[in-house]
N, C-alpha and C. Protein backbone atom coordinates (compact mmCIF):
# COMPACT_ATOMS: atom_id res chain seq x y z
N LEU A 1 0.83 -1.20 0.00
CA LEU A 1 0.00 0.00 0.00
C LEU A 1 0.87 1.25 0.00
N LEU A 2 1.90 1.24 0.84
CA LEU A 2 2.81 2.38 0.91
C LEU A 2 3.52 2.58 -0.43
N ALA A 3 3.98 1.48 -1.02
CA ALA A 3 4.68 1.55 -2.30
C ALA A 3 3.76 2.08 -3.40
N LYS A 4 2.49 1.72 -3.33
CA LYS A 4 1.52 2.15 -4.34
C LYS A 4 1.39 3.66 -4.38
N HIS A 5 1.39 4.31 -3.22
CA HIS A 5 1.17 5.76 -3.18
C HIS A 5 2.47 6.56 -3.08
N LEU A 6 3.51 5.95 -2.55
CA LEU A 6 4.78 6.65 -2.39
C LEU A 6 5.72 6.38 -3.56
N GLY A 7 5.68 5.15 -4.08
CA GLY A 7 6.57 4.75 -5.17
C GLY A 7 6.53 5.66 -6.39
N PRO A 8 5.36 5.94 -6.96
CA PRO A 8 5.31 6.80 -8.14
C PRO A 8 5.88 8.20 -7.89
N ARG A 9 5.79 8.67 -6.68
CA ARG A 9 6.31 10.01 -6.36
C ARG A 9 7.84 10.00 -6.26
N LEU A 10 8.39 8.85 -5.88
CA LEU A 10 9.85 8.74 -5.77
C LEU A 10 10.50 8.60 -7.13
N GLY A 11 9.85 7.88 -8.03
CA GLY A 11 10.46 7.63 -9.34
C GLY A 11 11.76 6.87 -9.16
N ASP A 12 12.84 7.40 -9.74
CA ASP A 12 14.16 6.75 -9.63
C ASP A 12 14.96 7.31 -8.46
N ASP A 13 14.39 8.23 -7.70
CA ASP A 13 15.11 8.84 -6.59
C ASP A 13 15.26 7.85 -5.43
N ASP A 14 16.35 7.98 -4.73
CA ASP A 14 16.64 7.14 -3.57
C ASP A 14 15.90 7.72 -2.36
N PRO A 15 15.00 6.94 -1.74
CA PRO A 15 14.25 7.47 -0.60
C PRO A 15 15.15 7.91 0.55
N VAL A 16 16.31 7.28 0.69
CA VAL A 16 17.23 7.66 1.77
C VAL A 16 17.74 9.08 1.55
N GLU A 17 18.12 9.41 0.30
CA GLU A 17 18.62 10.76 0.01
C GLU A 17 17.53 11.81 0.20
N ILE A 18 16.32 11.49 -0.25
CA ILE A 18 15.21 12.43 -0.07
C ILE A 18 14.93 12.61 1.41
N ALA A 19 14.97 11.52 2.17
CA ALA A 19 14.69 11.60 3.61
C ALA A 19 15.75 12.40 4.34
N ARG A 20 16.94 12.48 3.80
CA ARG A 20 17.99 13.27 4.46
C ARG A 20 17.80 14.76 4.21
N THR A 21 17.17 15.13 3.12
CA THR A 21 17.04 16.54 2.78
C THR A 21 15.66 17.11 3.10
N GLY A 22 14.66 16.32 2.99
CA GLY A 22 13.31 16.80 3.27
C GLY A 22 12.29 15.96 2.54
N VAL A 23 11.38 15.41 3.28
CA VAL A 23 10.46 14.45 2.71
C VAL A 23 9.01 14.75 3.09
N GLU A 24 8.80 15.80 3.87
CA GLU A 24 7.48 16.09 4.41
C GLU A 24 6.42 16.23 3.32
N ASP A 25 6.72 17.03 2.27
CA ASP A 25 5.75 17.23 1.20
C ASP A 25 5.44 15.93 0.47
N LEU A 26 6.47 15.12 0.26
CA LEU A 26 6.29 13.83 -0.39
C LEU A 26 5.33 12.95 0.41
N TYR A 27 5.52 12.90 1.72
CA TYR A 27 4.65 12.10 2.57
C TYR A 27 3.22 12.64 2.57
N LEU A 28 3.09 13.96 2.68
CA LEU A 28 1.75 14.55 2.70
C LEU A 28 1.02 14.29 1.40
N ASP A 29 1.72 14.39 0.26
CA ASP A 29 1.10 14.10 -1.03
C ASP A 29 0.66 12.64 -1.11
N ALA A 30 1.48 11.72 -0.61
CA ALA A 30 1.12 10.30 -0.61
C ALA A 30 -0.10 10.05 0.27
N ILE A 31 -0.16 10.72 1.42
CA ILE A 31 -1.32 10.58 2.32
C ILE A 31 -2.58 11.10 1.64
N GLU A 32 -2.47 12.24 0.93
CA GLU A 32 -3.63 12.79 0.22
C GLU A 32 -4.06 11.86 -0.91
N ASP A 33 -3.09 11.30 -1.66
CA ASP A 33 -3.42 10.34 -2.72
C ASP A 33 -4.18 9.16 -2.16
N HIS A 34 -3.70 8.64 -1.04
CA HIS A 34 -4.38 7.49 -0.42
C HIS A 34 -5.80 7.88 -0.01
N ALA A 35 -5.96 9.05 0.58
CA ALA A 35 -7.29 9.49 1.03
C ALA A 35 -8.26 9.62 -0.14
N ASP A 36 -7.76 9.96 -1.31
CA ASP A 36 -8.60 10.11 -2.50
C ASP A 36 -8.89 8.78 -3.19
N SER A 37 -8.18 7.72 -2.82
CA SER A 37 -8.37 6.42 -3.46
C SER A 37 -9.55 5.69 -2.82
N PRO A 38 -10.13 4.69 -3.52
CA PRO A 38 -11.26 3.94 -2.95
C PRO A 38 -10.92 3.28 -1.61
N SER A 39 -9.68 2.84 -1.44
CA SER A 39 -9.33 2.17 -0.18
C SER A 39 -9.04 3.15 0.95
N GLY A 40 -8.98 4.45 0.64
CA GLY A 40 -8.64 5.43 1.66
C GLY A 40 -9.78 6.32 2.08
N ARG A 41 -11.00 5.92 1.78
CA ARG A 41 -12.16 6.77 2.08
C ARG A 41 -12.46 6.87 3.57
N SER A 42 -12.21 5.80 4.32
CA SER A 42 -12.55 5.83 5.74
C SER A 42 -11.44 6.49 6.55
N LEU A 43 -11.83 7.10 7.63
CA LEU A 43 -10.87 7.77 8.50
C LEU A 43 -9.90 6.76 9.11
N SER A 44 -10.38 5.57 9.44
CA SER A 44 -9.48 4.56 10.02
C SER A 44 -8.43 4.12 9.00
N SER A 45 -8.82 4.01 7.74
CA SER A 45 -7.86 3.64 6.69
C SER A 45 -6.81 4.74 6.52
N GLN A 46 -7.23 6.00 6.59
CA GLN A 46 -6.28 7.11 6.47
C GLN A 46 -5.31 7.11 7.65
N ARG A 47 -5.81 6.85 8.83
CA ARG A 47 -4.93 6.80 10.00
C ARG A 47 -3.94 5.64 9.90
N ARG A 48 -4.42 4.49 9.44
CA ARG A 48 -3.55 3.33 9.26
C ARG A 48 -2.44 3.65 8.26
N PHE A 49 -2.80 4.29 7.16
CA PHE A 49 -1.81 4.63 6.15
C PHE A 49 -0.81 5.65 6.72
N GLY A 50 -1.31 6.61 7.47
CA GLY A 50 -0.42 7.59 8.10
C GLY A 50 0.58 6.94 9.03
N ARG A 51 0.12 5.91 9.79
CA ARG A 51 1.04 5.18 10.67
C ARG A 51 2.09 4.43 9.85
N CYS A 52 1.68 3.89 8.70
CA CYS A 52 2.64 3.19 7.82
C CYS A 52 3.72 4.16 7.34
N VAL A 53 3.31 5.37 6.96
CA VAL A 53 4.27 6.38 6.51
C VAL A 53 5.24 6.71 7.63
N LEU A 54 4.72 6.89 8.84
CA LEU A 54 5.59 7.22 9.97
C LEU A 54 6.53 6.07 10.30
N MET A 55 6.04 4.84 10.22
CA MET A 55 6.91 3.69 10.49
C MET A 55 8.00 3.57 9.43
N PHE A 56 7.64 3.85 8.17
CA PHE A 56 8.62 3.82 7.09
C PHE A 56 9.72 4.86 7.36
N HIS A 57 9.30 6.05 7.78
CA HIS A 57 10.30 7.08 8.03
C HIS A 57 11.16 6.74 9.25
N ARG A 58 10.57 6.16 10.27
CA ARG A 58 11.37 5.73 11.43
C ARG A 58 12.42 4.71 11.01
N PHE A 59 12.05 3.82 10.08
CA PHE A 59 13.01 2.86 9.54
C PHE A 59 14.17 3.59 8.86
N LEU A 60 13.85 4.61 8.06
CA LEU A 60 14.91 5.38 7.38
C LEU A 60 15.80 6.10 8.39
N VAL A 61 15.21 6.58 9.46
CA VAL A 61 15.98 7.27 10.51
C VAL A 61 16.91 6.28 11.21
N ASP A 62 16.36 5.15 11.62
CA ASP A 62 17.15 4.16 12.36
C ASP A 62 18.24 3.52 11.50
N LYS A 63 17.91 3.16 10.29
CA LYS A 63 18.83 2.39 9.46
C LYS A 63 19.79 3.28 8.64
N TYR A 64 19.28 4.44 8.17
CA TYR A 64 20.08 5.26 7.25
C TYR A 64 20.33 6.68 7.76
N HIS A 65 20.00 6.95 9.01
CA HIS A 65 20.29 8.23 9.66
C HIS A 65 19.62 9.42 8.96
N ALA A 66 18.41 9.21 8.49
CA ALA A 66 17.63 10.32 7.92
C ALA A 66 17.23 11.26 9.06
N LYS A 67 16.84 12.50 8.71
CA LYS A 67 16.40 13.44 9.73
C LYS A 67 15.07 12.98 10.32
N PRO A 68 14.93 13.03 11.63
CA PRO A 68 13.62 12.72 12.23
C PRO A 68 12.59 13.73 11.73
N LEU A 69 11.35 13.34 11.71
CA LEU A 69 10.30 14.22 11.20
C LEU A 69 10.17 15.50 12.01
N GLU A 70 10.50 15.46 13.29
CA GLU A 70 10.42 16.68 14.10
C GLU A 70 11.31 17.76 13.51
N GLU A 71 12.42 17.37 12.90
CA GLU A 71 13.34 18.33 12.31
C GLU A 71 12.93 18.71 10.89
N LEU A 72 11.96 18.01 10.36
CA LEU A 72 11.52 18.28 9.00
C LEU A 72 10.22 19.07 8.97
N GLY A 73 9.90 19.73 10.04
CA GLY A 73 8.70 20.56 10.05
C GLY A 73 7.55 19.97 10.84
N GLY A 74 7.77 18.84 11.47
CA GLY A 74 6.78 18.33 12.41
C GLY A 74 5.65 17.50 11.84
N LEU A 75 5.82 16.88 10.67
CA LEU A 75 4.79 15.97 10.20
C LEU A 75 4.60 14.93 11.29
N ALA A 76 3.40 14.79 11.74
CA ALA A 76 3.13 13.85 12.83
C ALA A 76 1.75 13.26 12.66
N PHE A 77 1.49 12.25 13.45
CA PHE A 77 0.21 11.55 13.37
C PHE A 77 -0.95 12.53 13.52
N GLY A 78 -0.79 13.54 14.37
CA GLY A 78 -1.85 14.51 14.59
C GLY A 78 -2.14 15.39 13.39
N CYS A 79 -1.28 15.39 12.39
CA CYS A 79 -1.49 16.22 11.20
C CYS A 79 -2.33 15.53 10.14
N LEU A 80 -2.71 14.30 10.38
CA LEU A 80 -3.51 13.59 9.39
C LEU A 80 -4.91 14.18 9.35
N PRO A 81 -5.64 13.94 8.27
CA PRO A 81 -6.98 14.49 8.15
C PRO A 81 -7.86 14.03 9.31
N VAL A 82 -8.69 14.94 9.78
CA VAL A 82 -9.64 14.61 10.84
C VAL A 82 -11.04 14.63 10.26
N ASP A 83 -11.93 13.94 10.92
CA ASP A 83 -13.30 13.88 10.46
C ASP A 83 -14.06 15.05 11.06
N ALA A 84 -13.87 16.24 10.50
CA ALA A 84 -14.52 17.44 11.02
C ALA A 84 -14.96 18.30 9.85
N ASN A 85 -16.02 19.03 10.08
CA ASN A 85 -16.51 19.97 9.09
C ASN A 85 -16.49 21.36 9.71
N ILE A 86 -15.91 22.30 9.00
CA ILE A 86 -15.90 23.68 9.46
C ILE A 86 -17.16 24.35 8.94
N ILE A 87 -17.89 25.01 9.83
CA ILE A 87 -19.07 25.73 9.38
C ILE A 87 -18.91 27.21 9.68
N SER A 88 -19.51 28.02 8.84
CA SER A 88 -19.41 29.47 9.00
C SER A 88 -20.44 29.95 10.02
N GLU A 89 -20.29 31.18 10.44
CA GLU A 89 -21.25 31.80 11.36
C GLU A 89 -22.63 31.83 10.71
N GLU A 90 -22.66 32.12 9.42
CA GLU A 90 -23.93 32.18 8.69
C GLU A 90 -24.63 30.81 8.70
N GLU A 91 -23.88 29.75 8.45
CA GLU A 91 -24.45 28.41 8.47
C GLU A 91 -24.94 28.04 9.87
N PHE A 92 -24.15 28.39 10.88
CA PHE A 92 -24.54 28.12 12.26
C PHE A 92 -25.86 28.81 12.59
N LEU A 93 -25.96 30.10 12.24
CA LEU A 93 -27.19 30.86 12.54
C LEU A 93 -28.39 30.31 11.78
N ARG A 94 -28.17 29.85 10.55
CA ARG A 94 -29.26 29.28 9.76
C ARG A 94 -29.78 27.99 10.42
N VAL A 95 -28.88 27.13 10.88
CA VAL A 95 -29.29 25.89 11.55
C VAL A 95 -29.98 26.21 12.87
N LEU A 96 -29.43 27.17 13.59
CA LEU A 96 -30.02 27.57 14.87
C LEU A 96 -31.45 28.07 14.68
N THR A 97 -31.66 28.89 13.67
CA THR A 97 -33.00 29.40 13.37
C THR A 97 -33.93 28.26 12.99
N ALA A 98 -33.45 27.32 12.19
CA ALA A 98 -34.28 26.19 11.77
C ALA A 98 -34.70 25.34 12.97
N VAL A 99 -33.77 25.09 13.89
CA VAL A 99 -34.09 24.28 15.07
C VAL A 99 -35.06 25.03 15.98
N ARG A 100 -34.82 26.31 16.17
CA ARG A 100 -35.72 27.12 17.03
C ARG A 100 -37.14 27.15 16.50
N SER A 101 -37.30 27.12 15.18
CA SER A 101 -38.63 27.22 14.60
C SER A 101 -39.24 25.87 14.23
N ALA A 102 -38.57 24.78 14.52
CA ALA A 102 -39.07 23.44 14.19
C ALA A 102 -40.20 23.06 15.15
N ARG A 103 -41.41 23.15 14.70
CA ARG A 103 -42.57 22.86 15.56
C ARG A 103 -42.79 21.37 15.76
N THR A 104 -42.08 20.54 15.00
CA THR A 104 -42.22 19.09 15.17
C THR A 104 -41.44 18.59 16.38
N ILE A 105 -40.55 19.44 16.92
CA ILE A 105 -39.77 19.09 18.10
C ILE A 105 -40.43 19.74 19.31
N PRO A 106 -40.73 18.97 20.36
CA PRO A 106 -41.32 19.57 21.56
C PRO A 106 -40.45 20.71 22.11
N ALA A 107 -41.09 21.72 22.70
CA ALA A 107 -40.40 22.94 23.14
C ALA A 107 -39.20 22.65 24.05
N GLY A 108 -39.34 21.75 25.01
CA GLY A 108 -38.23 21.44 25.92
C GLY A 108 -37.05 20.83 25.20
N GLN A 109 -37.33 19.93 24.27
CA GLN A 109 -36.25 19.31 23.50
C GLN A 109 -35.63 20.32 22.53
N ARG A 110 -36.43 21.25 22.05
CA ARG A 110 -35.91 22.28 21.14
C ARG A 110 -34.87 23.15 21.84
N ILE A 111 -35.14 23.52 23.07
CA ILE A 111 -34.18 24.35 23.83
C ILE A 111 -32.89 23.57 24.06
N VAL A 112 -33.00 22.29 24.40
CA VAL A 112 -31.81 21.46 24.61
C VAL A 112 -31.03 21.36 23.30
N ALA A 113 -31.71 21.14 22.18
CA ALA A 113 -31.04 21.05 20.88
C ALA A 113 -30.32 22.35 20.55
N VAL A 114 -30.95 23.46 20.82
CA VAL A 114 -30.33 24.77 20.58
C VAL A 114 -29.08 24.93 21.44
N LEU A 115 -29.17 24.56 22.71
CA LEU A 115 -28.02 24.67 23.61
C LEU A 115 -26.88 23.75 23.16
N LEU A 116 -27.21 22.54 22.71
CA LEU A 116 -26.17 21.64 22.22
C LEU A 116 -25.46 22.22 21.00
N LEU A 117 -26.21 22.81 20.09
CA LEU A 117 -25.61 23.47 18.93
C LEU A 117 -24.68 24.60 19.36
N ILE A 118 -25.15 25.40 20.31
CA ILE A 118 -24.36 26.54 20.80
C ILE A 118 -23.08 26.05 21.46
N PHE A 119 -23.18 25.03 22.31
CA PHE A 119 -21.98 24.50 22.97
C PHE A 119 -20.98 23.97 21.95
N GLY A 120 -21.47 23.32 20.93
CA GLY A 120 -20.56 22.81 19.90
C GLY A 120 -19.90 23.91 19.11
N TYR A 121 -20.68 24.88 18.65
CA TYR A 121 -20.13 25.93 17.78
C TYR A 121 -19.36 26.99 18.56
N ARG A 122 -19.96 27.53 19.59
CA ARG A 122 -19.33 28.63 20.33
C ARG A 122 -18.20 28.18 21.25
N CYS A 123 -18.34 26.99 21.85
CA CYS A 123 -17.38 26.55 22.87
C CYS A 123 -16.49 25.40 22.41
N GLY A 124 -16.74 24.85 21.24
CA GLY A 124 -15.90 23.79 20.71
C GLY A 124 -16.05 22.45 21.43
N LEU A 125 -17.18 22.23 22.08
CA LEU A 125 -17.37 20.96 22.77
C LEU A 125 -17.57 19.83 21.76
N ARG A 126 -17.03 18.68 22.08
CA ARG A 126 -17.28 17.48 21.29
C ARG A 126 -18.72 17.05 21.52
N ARG A 127 -19.25 16.29 20.58
CA ARG A 127 -20.64 15.84 20.67
C ARG A 127 -20.91 15.13 22.00
N SER A 128 -20.04 14.19 22.38
CA SER A 128 -20.27 13.45 23.62
C SER A 128 -20.12 14.34 24.86
N GLU A 129 -19.24 15.33 24.78
CA GLU A 129 -19.08 16.25 25.91
C GLU A 129 -20.36 17.04 26.13
N ALA A 130 -20.93 17.55 25.04
CA ALA A 130 -22.16 18.34 25.15
C ALA A 130 -23.35 17.48 25.55
N TYR A 131 -23.44 16.29 24.96
CA TYR A 131 -24.59 15.42 25.19
C TYR A 131 -24.69 14.99 26.65
N TYR A 132 -23.56 14.76 27.29
CA TYR A 132 -23.58 14.26 28.67
C TYR A 132 -23.37 15.36 29.71
N LEU A 133 -23.58 16.62 29.34
CA LEU A 133 -23.48 17.69 30.34
C LEU A 133 -24.55 17.52 31.41
N ARG A 134 -24.18 17.88 32.62
CA ARG A 134 -25.12 17.86 33.72
C ARG A 134 -25.33 19.29 34.21
N ILE A 135 -26.44 19.52 34.84
CA ILE A 135 -26.75 20.85 35.36
C ILE A 135 -25.66 21.29 36.33
N CYS A 136 -25.14 20.37 37.14
CA CYS A 136 -24.12 20.73 38.13
C CYS A 136 -22.76 21.06 37.48
N ASP A 137 -22.60 20.80 36.17
CA ASP A 137 -21.36 21.16 35.47
C ASP A 137 -21.28 22.66 35.20
N ILE A 138 -22.40 23.35 35.35
CA ILE A 138 -22.45 24.79 35.05
C ILE A 138 -22.44 25.57 36.36
N ASP A 139 -21.47 26.44 36.49
CA ASP A 139 -21.35 27.34 37.64
C ASP A 139 -21.88 28.70 37.19
N SER A 140 -23.05 29.09 37.70
CA SER A 140 -23.71 30.30 37.22
C SER A 140 -23.22 31.57 37.90
N GLY A 141 -22.03 31.53 38.49
CA GLY A 141 -21.45 32.74 39.09
C GLY A 141 -21.01 33.72 38.03
N HIS A 142 -20.11 34.63 38.41
CA HIS A 142 -19.60 35.59 37.43
C HIS A 142 -18.09 35.44 37.36
N PRO A 143 -17.50 34.99 36.29
CA PRO A 143 -18.14 34.62 35.03
C PRO A 143 -18.80 33.24 35.13
N VAL A 144 -19.71 32.98 34.20
CA VAL A 144 -20.35 31.66 34.13
C VAL A 144 -19.33 30.68 33.57
N LEU A 145 -19.12 29.57 34.28
CA LEU A 145 -18.12 28.58 33.88
C LEU A 145 -18.76 27.22 33.67
N LEU A 146 -18.18 26.46 32.77
CA LEU A 146 -18.60 25.08 32.52
C LEU A 146 -17.42 24.19 32.84
N SER A 147 -17.64 23.19 33.71
CA SER A 147 -16.58 22.25 34.07
C SER A 147 -16.76 20.97 33.28
N LEU A 148 -15.73 20.59 32.55
CA LEU A 148 -15.74 19.32 31.81
C LEU A 148 -14.78 18.38 32.50
N ARG A 149 -15.31 17.26 32.96
CA ARG A 149 -14.50 16.25 33.64
C ARG A 149 -15.15 14.90 33.44
N ASP A 150 -14.39 13.85 33.70
CA ASP A 150 -14.93 12.50 33.58
C ASP A 150 -16.06 12.29 34.58
N THR A 151 -17.10 11.60 34.14
CA THR A 151 -18.19 11.20 35.03
C THR A 151 -18.49 9.73 34.73
N ASP A 152 -19.44 9.16 35.45
CA ASP A 152 -19.83 7.78 35.17
C ASP A 152 -20.41 7.66 33.75
N ALA A 153 -21.12 8.68 33.31
CA ALA A 153 -21.77 8.64 32.00
C ALA A 153 -20.85 9.09 30.87
N ARG A 154 -19.86 9.89 31.19
CA ARG A 154 -19.02 10.48 30.13
C ARG A 154 -17.55 10.33 30.47
N LYS A 155 -16.82 9.73 29.57
CA LYS A 155 -15.36 9.67 29.68
C LYS A 155 -14.81 10.63 28.64
N LEU A 156 -13.97 11.55 29.06
CA LEU A 156 -13.37 12.50 28.12
C LEU A 156 -12.34 11.80 27.26
N LYS A 157 -12.05 12.39 26.11
CA LYS A 157 -11.16 11.77 25.14
C LYS A 157 -9.76 11.55 25.73
N THR A 158 -9.23 12.54 26.44
CA THR A 158 -7.92 12.42 27.07
C THR A 158 -7.97 13.11 28.43
N ALA A 159 -6.93 12.91 29.22
CA ALA A 159 -6.85 13.60 30.52
C ALA A 159 -6.76 15.11 30.31
N ASN A 160 -6.14 15.54 29.20
CA ASN A 160 -6.02 16.97 28.91
C ASN A 160 -7.35 17.60 28.52
N ALA A 161 -8.37 16.78 28.24
CA ALA A 161 -9.67 17.31 27.86
C ALA A 161 -10.44 17.84 29.05
N GLN A 162 -9.97 17.55 30.28
CA GLN A 162 -10.61 18.12 31.46
C GLN A 162 -10.29 19.60 31.48
N ARG A 163 -11.34 20.43 31.59
CA ARG A 163 -11.11 21.87 31.53
C ARG A 163 -12.31 22.63 32.06
N ARG A 164 -12.09 23.91 32.29
CA ARG A 164 -13.16 24.83 32.65
C ARG A 164 -13.29 25.82 31.50
N VAL A 165 -14.51 25.99 31.03
CA VAL A 165 -14.78 26.84 29.87
C VAL A 165 -15.52 28.07 30.35
N ASN A 166 -15.02 29.25 29.97
CA ASN A 166 -15.65 30.51 30.35
C ASN A 166 -16.79 30.80 29.38
N LEU A 167 -18.01 30.46 29.78
CA LEU A 167 -19.17 30.65 28.92
C LEU A 167 -19.51 32.12 28.75
N SER A 168 -19.21 32.94 29.75
CA SER A 168 -19.48 34.38 29.64
C SER A 168 -18.72 34.99 28.48
N ALA A 169 -17.51 34.52 28.25
CA ALA A 169 -16.69 35.05 27.17
C ALA A 169 -17.04 34.45 25.81
N LEU A 170 -17.38 33.16 25.78
CA LEU A 170 -17.57 32.47 24.50
C LEU A 170 -18.99 32.57 23.93
N MET A 171 -19.98 32.75 24.79
CA MET A 171 -21.35 32.80 24.29
C MET A 171 -22.17 33.88 25.01
N PRO A 172 -21.70 35.14 24.99
CA PRO A 172 -22.41 36.18 25.73
C PRO A 172 -23.84 36.42 25.25
N GLU A 173 -24.09 36.30 23.96
CA GLU A 173 -25.43 36.55 23.43
C GLU A 173 -26.41 35.45 23.84
N GLU A 174 -25.93 34.23 23.93
CA GLU A 174 -26.80 33.10 24.24
C GLU A 174 -26.87 32.80 25.74
N LEU A 175 -26.07 33.50 26.54
CA LEU A 175 -25.99 33.23 27.97
C LEU A 175 -27.34 33.36 28.69
N PRO A 176 -28.17 34.37 28.39
CA PRO A 176 -29.47 34.45 29.08
C PRO A 176 -30.34 33.20 28.87
N LEU A 177 -30.33 32.64 27.65
CA LEU A 177 -31.08 31.42 27.38
C LEU A 177 -30.56 30.27 28.25
N LEU A 178 -29.25 30.12 28.32
CA LEU A 178 -28.65 29.05 29.12
C LEU A 178 -28.98 29.24 30.60
N LEU A 179 -28.82 30.46 31.11
CA LEU A 179 -29.05 30.70 32.54
C LEU A 179 -30.51 30.49 32.92
N ASP A 180 -31.44 30.87 32.04
CA ASP A 180 -32.85 30.64 32.29
C ASP A 180 -33.14 29.14 32.34
N PHE A 181 -32.61 28.40 31.36
CA PHE A 181 -32.78 26.96 31.31
C PHE A 181 -32.13 26.31 32.53
N HIS A 182 -30.93 26.76 32.87
CA HIS A 182 -30.18 26.23 34.01
C HIS A 182 -30.96 26.42 35.31
N GLY A 183 -31.52 27.61 35.50
CA GLY A 183 -32.30 27.89 36.71
C GLY A 183 -33.52 27.00 36.83
N ASN A 184 -34.23 26.81 35.71
CA ASN A 184 -35.42 25.95 35.72
C ASN A 184 -35.05 24.50 36.01
N ARG A 185 -34.00 24.00 35.39
CA ARG A 185 -33.61 22.60 35.58
C ARG A 185 -33.00 22.36 36.96
N ARG A 186 -32.31 23.36 37.48
CA ARG A 186 -31.66 23.21 38.79
C ARG A 186 -32.70 22.95 39.88
N GLN A 187 -33.88 23.53 39.71
CA GLN A 187 -34.95 23.31 40.69
C GLN A 187 -35.40 21.85 40.69
N VAL A 188 -35.28 21.19 39.55
CA VAL A 188 -35.71 19.79 39.44
C VAL A 188 -34.69 18.86 40.05
N ASN A 189 -33.41 18.96 39.55
CA ASN A 189 -32.37 18.05 40.04
C ASN A 189 -31.02 18.57 39.58
N ALA A 190 -30.13 18.88 40.51
CA ALA A 190 -28.83 19.47 40.19
C ALA A 190 -27.92 18.50 39.46
N LEU A 191 -28.11 17.20 39.60
CA LEU A 191 -27.25 16.23 38.94
C LEU A 191 -27.80 15.77 37.59
N ASP A 192 -29.00 16.20 37.28
CA ASP A 192 -29.66 15.77 36.06
C ASP A 192 -28.92 16.26 34.82
N ARG A 193 -28.96 15.44 33.77
CA ARG A 193 -28.35 15.84 32.51
C ARG A 193 -29.13 16.99 31.90
N LEU A 194 -28.43 17.81 31.13
CA LEU A 194 -29.09 18.89 30.40
C LEU A 194 -30.19 18.28 29.54
């Protein structure tokens, strides 16, 4: 698989010589070629191919003293394509308006859906982080803070994902909606999920 996407780019060039001078663009092009191929459509396949590229380069470093990738501009596993879509403010507002006006969704669920959208777009929360928020995760003091930490229902992606998010700074326009919802739900049960 590696030879299929890397070989044509090398041509008659010696991979050891290229690896000594700079190979980052070559690797990135091979990764993109693989992602565009039928076998590279899935994210797991792209990650697997990226690991193969890194293992190949580690072999060149160990056996032929090529420059480590850190010295070649930092091509790393984290630079591989991620399964994310960037949306504009206009698109976010259009979806928000559509959800707010969707009469097929009960009013209580509509507010939760709106808040989940806001947490994702304004605060960068992952889907599982937003979905498993609890009322007690929100500190309605000044500033309003959201605590993200592991719970029985939610395990964060990494230990570094534990954090406190300043909602007053990230979503000032939507804060009254959240605080009103928070106050109403807090009366029911402080540990209850949003």
